[in-house]
Amino acid sequence: MKIAAIILTCLLCSQAWAKPPKDVKYQDAVLVSFNRTGTGAMDASRIYTIQVGSNTYVLEPLPVFLYKSSVLMNQLPGTHLLVRTDGHSFYVKIGNRESHYGIVEAH
């Protein structure tokens, strides 16, 4: 039982620190705005609006195993981003850091 728990913990940690494959295609995007959705001080209480081509998306940070601030935290509207999608969510990259976001709305 203890071995199974250790293996499960290692698998979860490896997913949290996994790097994207080298052949991943990113698209250019721009941070349009951000808003607080609650009264908490944590990043999870924010939503971000980004523009990818002619499409606009409202994103929220997805929880991770070990809390890391999102790459969009403390960024100003107009910031250039790189994004990739898995079809259900976005991965946003600034510099060499990447964060995972759920899609709240798409326009």
N, C-alpha and C. Protein backbone atom coordinates (compact mmCIF):
# COMPACT_ATOMS: atom_id res chain seq x y z
N MET A 1 0.82 -1.20 0.00
CA MET A 1 0.00 0.00 0.00
C MET A 1 0.86 1.26 0.00
N LYS A 2 1.93 1.25 0.83
CA LYS A 2 2.81 2.42 0.88
C LYS A 2 3.53 2.62 -0.45
N ILE A 3 3.90 1.53 -1.08
CA ILE A 3 4.61 1.64 -2.36
C ILE A 3 3.69 2.24 -3.41
N ALA A 4 2.43 1.84 -3.43
CA ALA A 4 1.47 2.40 -4.39
C ALA A 4 1.30 3.90 -4.17
N ALA A 5 1.25 4.33 -2.90
CA ALA A 5 1.11 5.75 -2.60
C ALA A 5 2.34 6.53 -3.05
N ILE A 6 3.51 5.96 -2.87
CA ILE A 6 4.75 6.62 -3.29
C ILE A 6 4.79 6.73 -4.82
N ILE A 7 4.41 5.67 -5.51
CA ILE A 7 4.41 5.69 -6.97
C ILE A 7 3.41 6.73 -7.49
N LEU A 8 2.22 6.76 -6.89
CA LEU A 8 1.21 7.74 -7.30
C LEU A 8 1.71 9.17 -7.08
N THR A 9 2.35 9.42 -5.95
CA THR A 9 2.91 10.74 -5.66
C THR A 9 3.96 11.12 -6.69
N CYS A 10 4.83 10.19 -7.04
CA CYS A 10 5.87 10.46 -8.05
C CYS A 10 5.25 10.78 -9.41
N LEU A 11 4.21 10.04 -9.78
CA LEU A 11 3.55 10.30 -11.06
C LEU A 11 2.91 11.68 -11.08
N LEU A 12 2.25 12.06 -9.98
CA LEU A 12 1.64 13.39 -9.92
C LEU A 12 2.69 14.48 -9.98
N CYS A 13 3.79 14.30 -9.29
CA CYS A 13 4.86 15.30 -9.31
C CYS A 13 5.48 15.41 -10.69
N SER A 14 5.65 14.28 -11.36
CA SER A 14 6.26 14.34 -12.69
C SER A 14 5.36 15.08 -13.67
N GLN A 15 4.04 14.97 -13.52
CA GLN A 15 3.12 15.72 -14.38
C GLN A 15 3.18 17.20 -14.09
N ALA A 16 3.34 17.57 -12.82
CA ALA A 16 3.38 18.99 -12.44
C ALA A 16 4.63 19.67 -13.01
N TRP A 17 5.72 18.93 -13.12
CA TRP A 17 6.96 19.53 -13.61
C TRP A 17 7.29 19.14 -15.05
N ALA A 18 6.37 18.48 -15.71
CA ALA A 18 6.61 18.03 -17.08
C ALA A 18 6.79 19.22 -18.01
N LYS A 19 7.71 19.06 -18.92
CA LYS A 19 7.93 20.10 -19.93
C LYS A 19 7.19 19.70 -21.20
N PRO A 20 6.76 20.69 -21.98
CA PRO A 20 6.07 20.35 -23.22
C PRO A 20 7.03 19.68 -24.20
N PRO A 21 6.51 18.83 -25.08
CA PRO A 21 7.36 18.22 -26.10
C PRO A 21 8.02 19.29 -26.97
N LYS A 22 9.16 18.97 -27.54
CA LYS A 22 9.91 19.95 -28.32
C LYS A 22 9.22 20.35 -29.62
N ASP A 23 8.34 19.51 -30.15
CA ASP A 23 7.69 19.82 -31.43
C ASP A 23 6.35 20.54 -31.27
N VAL A 24 6.11 21.10 -30.10
CA VAL A 24 4.85 21.81 -29.85
C VAL A 24 4.83 23.12 -30.62
N LYS A 25 3.69 23.42 -31.23
CA LYS A 25 3.52 24.66 -31.99
C LYS A 25 2.79 25.68 -31.13
N TYR A 26 3.40 26.82 -30.93
CA TYR A 26 2.78 27.91 -30.19
C TYR A 26 2.22 28.94 -31.15
N GLN A 27 1.17 29.64 -30.72
CA GLN A 27 0.59 30.75 -31.47
C GLN A 27 0.86 32.04 -30.71
N ASP A 28 0.98 33.13 -31.46
CA ASP A 28 1.12 34.43 -30.82
C ASP A 28 -0.21 34.86 -30.23
N ALA A 29 -0.14 35.53 -29.09
CA ALA A 29 -1.34 36.04 -28.42
C ALA A 29 -0.97 37.30 -27.65
N VAL A 30 -2.00 38.01 -27.19
CA VAL A 30 -1.81 39.24 -26.43
C VAL A 30 -2.74 39.21 -25.22
N LEU A 31 -2.23 39.62 -24.07
CA LEU A 31 -3.07 39.79 -22.89
C LEU A 31 -3.89 41.05 -23.07
N VAL A 32 -5.21 40.92 -23.05
CA VAL A 32 -6.11 42.05 -23.25
C VAL A 32 -6.46 42.71 -21.92
N SER A 33 -6.83 41.90 -20.92
CA SER A 33 -7.22 42.44 -19.62
C SER A 33 -7.20 41.34 -18.58
N PHE A 34 -7.36 41.75 -17.33
CA PHE A 34 -7.53 40.79 -16.24
C PHE A 34 -8.49 41.38 -15.23
N ASN A 35 -9.21 40.51 -14.54
CA ASN A 35 -10.20 40.93 -13.55
C ASN A 35 -10.14 40.00 -12.36
N ARG A 36 -10.47 40.54 -11.20
CA ARG A 36 -10.61 39.72 -10.01
C ARG A 36 -12.02 39.14 -10.00
N THR A 37 -12.13 37.85 -9.64
CA THR A 37 -13.44 37.22 -9.59
C THR A 37 -13.90 36.95 -8.18
N GLY A 38 -13.06 37.21 -7.20
CA GLY A 38 -13.42 36.96 -5.80
C GLY A 38 -12.72 37.97 -4.92
N THR A 39 -12.77 37.73 -3.64
CA THR A 39 -12.15 38.65 -2.68
C THR A 39 -10.80 38.15 -2.21
N GLY A 40 -10.39 36.96 -2.64
CA GLY A 40 -9.11 36.39 -2.21
C GLY A 40 -7.93 37.09 -2.86
N ALA A 41 -6.77 36.94 -2.24
CA ALA A 41 -5.56 37.57 -2.76
C ALA A 41 -4.79 36.63 -3.68
N MET A 42 -5.21 35.38 -3.79
CA MET A 42 -4.49 34.41 -4.60
C MET A 42 -4.77 34.62 -6.09
N ASP A 43 -3.85 34.16 -6.92
CA ASP A 43 -3.96 34.28 -8.36
C ASP A 43 -5.21 33.57 -8.89
N ALA A 44 -5.65 32.51 -8.24
CA ALA A 44 -6.80 31.75 -8.71
C ALA A 44 -8.08 32.57 -8.70
N SER A 45 -8.07 33.75 -8.05
CA SER A 45 -9.26 34.59 -8.02
C SER A 45 -9.25 35.60 -9.16
N ARG A 46 -8.42 35.37 -10.15
CA ARG A 46 -8.35 36.26 -11.31
C ARG A 46 -8.75 35.52 -12.56
N ILE A 47 -9.30 36.25 -13.50
CA ILE A 47 -9.52 35.72 -14.85
C ILE A 47 -8.79 36.64 -15.82
N TYR A 48 -8.34 36.08 -16.90
CA TYR A 48 -7.54 36.80 -17.88
C TYR A 48 -8.21 36.71 -19.24
N THR A 49 -8.22 37.81 -19.98
CA THR A 49 -8.74 37.83 -21.34
C THR A 49 -7.55 37.95 -22.28
N ILE A 50 -7.46 37.00 -23.22
CA ILE A 50 -6.38 37.04 -24.20
C ILE A 50 -6.96 37.04 -25.61
N GLN A 51 -6.19 37.58 -26.54
CA GLN A 51 -6.57 37.62 -27.96
C GLN A 51 -5.61 36.71 -28.70
N VAL A 52 -6.17 35.72 -29.41
CA VAL A 52 -5.39 34.80 -30.24
C VAL A 52 -5.94 34.93 -31.64
N GLY A 53 -5.21 35.60 -32.52
CA GLY A 53 -5.73 35.88 -33.85
C GLY A 53 -6.97 36.74 -33.74
N SER A 54 -8.07 36.30 -34.35
CA SER A 54 -9.32 37.06 -34.27
C SER A 54 -10.23 36.56 -33.14
N ASN A 55 -9.75 35.59 -32.36
CA ASN A 55 -10.55 35.02 -31.28
C ASN A 55 -10.14 35.59 -29.93
N THR A 56 -11.12 35.75 -29.04
CA THR A 56 -10.87 36.23 -27.69
C THR A 56 -11.29 35.13 -26.72
N TYR A 57 -10.44 34.87 -25.72
CA TYR A 57 -10.70 33.84 -24.72
C TYR A 57 -10.57 34.42 -23.32
N VAL A 58 -11.45 33.99 -22.43
CA VAL A 58 -11.35 34.32 -21.02
C VAL A 58 -10.84 33.06 -20.34
N LEU A 59 -9.73 33.19 -19.62
CA LEU A 59 -9.06 32.05 -19.01
C LEU A 59 -8.99 32.19 -17.50
N GLU A 60 -8.94 31.05 -16.81
CA GLU A 60 -8.69 31.05 -15.37
C GLU A 60 -7.57 30.04 -15.09
N PRO A 61 -6.69 30.36 -14.15
CA PRO A 61 -5.60 29.44 -13.83
C PRO A 61 -6.16 28.12 -13.29
N LEU A 62 -5.57 27.01 -13.73
CA LEU A 62 -5.97 25.71 -13.21
C LEU A 62 -5.05 25.37 -12.03
N PRO A 63 -5.59 24.69 -11.03
CA PRO A 63 -4.77 24.35 -9.86
C PRO A 63 -3.66 23.38 -10.25
N VAL A 64 -2.53 23.51 -9.58
CA VAL A 64 -1.41 22.60 -9.77
C VAL A 64 -1.08 21.97 -8.44
N PHE A 65 -0.38 20.83 -8.48
CA PHE A 65 -0.05 20.07 -7.28
C PHE A 65 0.69 20.93 -6.25
N LEU A 66 1.74 21.59 -6.67
CA LEU A 66 2.45 22.54 -5.81
C LEU A 66 2.20 23.92 -6.37
N TYR A 67 1.69 24.84 -5.54
CA TYR A 67 1.30 26.16 -6.02
C TYR A 67 2.48 26.90 -6.64
N LYS A 68 2.27 27.35 -7.86
CA LYS A 68 3.19 28.27 -8.54
C LYS A 68 2.33 29.41 -9.04
N SER A 69 2.84 30.62 -8.93
CA SER A 69 2.07 31.73 -9.49
C SER A 69 2.03 31.58 -11.01
N SER A 70 0.94 32.01 -11.60
CA SER A 70 0.79 31.87 -13.04
C SER A 70 1.69 32.87 -13.76
N VAL A 71 1.99 32.55 -15.01
CA VAL A 71 2.85 33.45 -15.79
C VAL A 71 2.15 34.77 -16.10
N LEU A 72 0.82 34.80 -16.03
CA LEU A 72 0.10 36.04 -16.33
C LEU A 72 -0.01 36.97 -15.12
N MET A 73 0.27 36.45 -13.94
CA MET A 73 0.19 37.30 -12.74
C MET A 73 1.22 38.41 -12.85
N ASN A 74 0.80 39.62 -12.56
CA ASN A 74 1.64 40.83 -12.60
C ASN A 74 1.99 41.29 -14.01
N GLN A 75 1.35 40.72 -15.04
CA GLN A 75 1.57 41.18 -16.41
C GLN A 75 0.54 42.26 -16.74
N LEU A 76 0.92 43.17 -17.58
CA LEU A 76 0.04 44.27 -17.99
C LEU A 76 -0.63 43.96 -19.32
N PRO A 77 -1.83 44.51 -19.54
CA PRO A 77 -2.46 44.36 -20.86
C PRO A 77 -1.50 44.82 -21.96
N GLY A 78 -1.51 44.09 -23.06
CA GLY A 78 -0.60 44.37 -24.16
C GLY A 78 0.62 43.46 -24.16
N THR A 79 0.80 42.67 -23.09
CA THR A 79 1.94 41.75 -23.02
C THR A 79 1.81 40.68 -24.09
N HIS A 80 2.91 40.44 -24.82
CA HIS A 80 2.95 39.40 -25.85
C HIS A 80 3.08 38.04 -25.18
N LEU A 81 2.29 37.06 -25.64
CA LEU A 81 2.28 35.71 -25.08
C LEU A 81 2.45 34.69 -26.20
N LEU A 82 2.84 33.51 -25.82
CA LEU A 82 2.79 32.36 -26.70
C LEU A 82 1.81 31.38 -26.07
N VAL A 83 0.91 30.81 -26.87
CA VAL A 83 -0.08 29.89 -26.35
C VAL A 83 -0.13 28.62 -27.19
N ARG A 84 -0.49 27.53 -26.52
CA ARG A 84 -0.79 26.27 -27.21
C ARG A 84 -2.02 25.71 -26.53
N THR A 85 -2.73 24.85 -27.23
CA THR A 85 -3.96 24.29 -26.68
C THR A 85 -3.94 22.78 -26.81
N ASP A 86 -4.65 22.14 -25.89
CA ASP A 86 -4.85 20.69 -25.97
C ASP A 86 -6.29 20.39 -26.40
N GLY A 87 -7.02 21.44 -26.82
CA GLY A 87 -8.39 21.30 -27.24
C GLY A 87 -9.40 21.62 -26.15
N HIS A 88 -8.97 21.57 -24.89
CA HIS A 88 -9.86 21.84 -23.76
C HIS A 88 -9.37 22.98 -22.89
N SER A 89 -8.10 23.31 -23.02
CA SER A 89 -7.50 24.34 -22.18
C SER A 89 -6.32 24.95 -22.92
N PHE A 90 -5.74 25.99 -22.33
CA PHE A 90 -4.58 26.66 -22.91
C PHE A 90 -3.37 26.54 -22.00
N TYR A 91 -2.21 26.49 -22.62
CA TYR A 91 -0.94 26.62 -21.93
C TYR A 91 -0.36 27.94 -22.40
N VAL A 92 -0.08 28.84 -21.47
CA VAL A 92 0.42 30.17 -21.81
C VAL A 92 1.87 30.23 -21.40
N LYS A 93 2.71 30.72 -22.33
CA LYS A 93 4.14 30.78 -22.10
C LYS A 93 4.63 32.21 -22.23
N ILE A 94 5.42 32.62 -21.24
CA ILE A 94 6.14 33.90 -21.28
C ILE A 94 7.58 33.58 -20.90
N GLY A 95 8.51 33.91 -21.78
CA GLY A 95 9.90 33.54 -21.51
C GLY A 95 10.03 32.03 -21.50
N ASN A 96 10.62 31.48 -20.44
CA ASN A 96 10.76 30.03 -20.37
C ASN A 96 9.77 29.40 -19.38
N ARG A 97 8.80 30.19 -18.88
CA ARG A 97 7.79 29.69 -17.95
C ARG A 97 6.46 29.48 -18.67
N GLU A 98 5.75 28.45 -18.26
CA GLU A 98 4.47 28.13 -18.86
C GLU A 98 3.47 27.77 -17.76
N SER A 99 2.22 28.22 -17.91
CA SER A 99 1.15 27.91 -16.96
C SER A 99 -0.07 27.38 -17.71
N HIS A 100 -0.88 26.61 -17.00
CA HIS A 100 -2.04 25.94 -17.56
C HIS A 100 -3.30 26.70 -17.16
N TYR A 101 -4.20 26.96 -18.11
CA TYR A 101 -5.42 27.73 -17.88
C TYR A 101 -6.62 27.02 -18.47
N GLY A 102 -7.73 27.09 -17.73
CA GLY A 102 -9.00 26.59 -18.26
C GLY A 102 -9.70 27.69 -19.04
N ILE A 103 -10.49 27.31 -20.01
CA ILE A 103 -11.23 28.27 -20.83
C ILE A 103 -12.59 28.52 -20.17
N VAL A 104 -12.86 29.76 -19.82
CA VAL A 104 -14.13 30.16 -19.21
C VAL A 104 -15.12 30.56 -20.31
N GLU A 105 -14.64 31.36 -21.27
CA GLU A 105 -15.45 31.82 -22.39
C GLU A 105 -14.60 31.90 -23.63
N ALA A 106 -15.24 31.78 -24.78
CA ALA A 106 -14.58 31.98 -26.06
C ALA A 106 -15.48 32.84 -26.93
N HIS A 107 -14.89 33.85 -27.59
CA HIS A 107 -15.65 34.75 -28.46
C HIS A 107 -15.05 34.75 -29.85
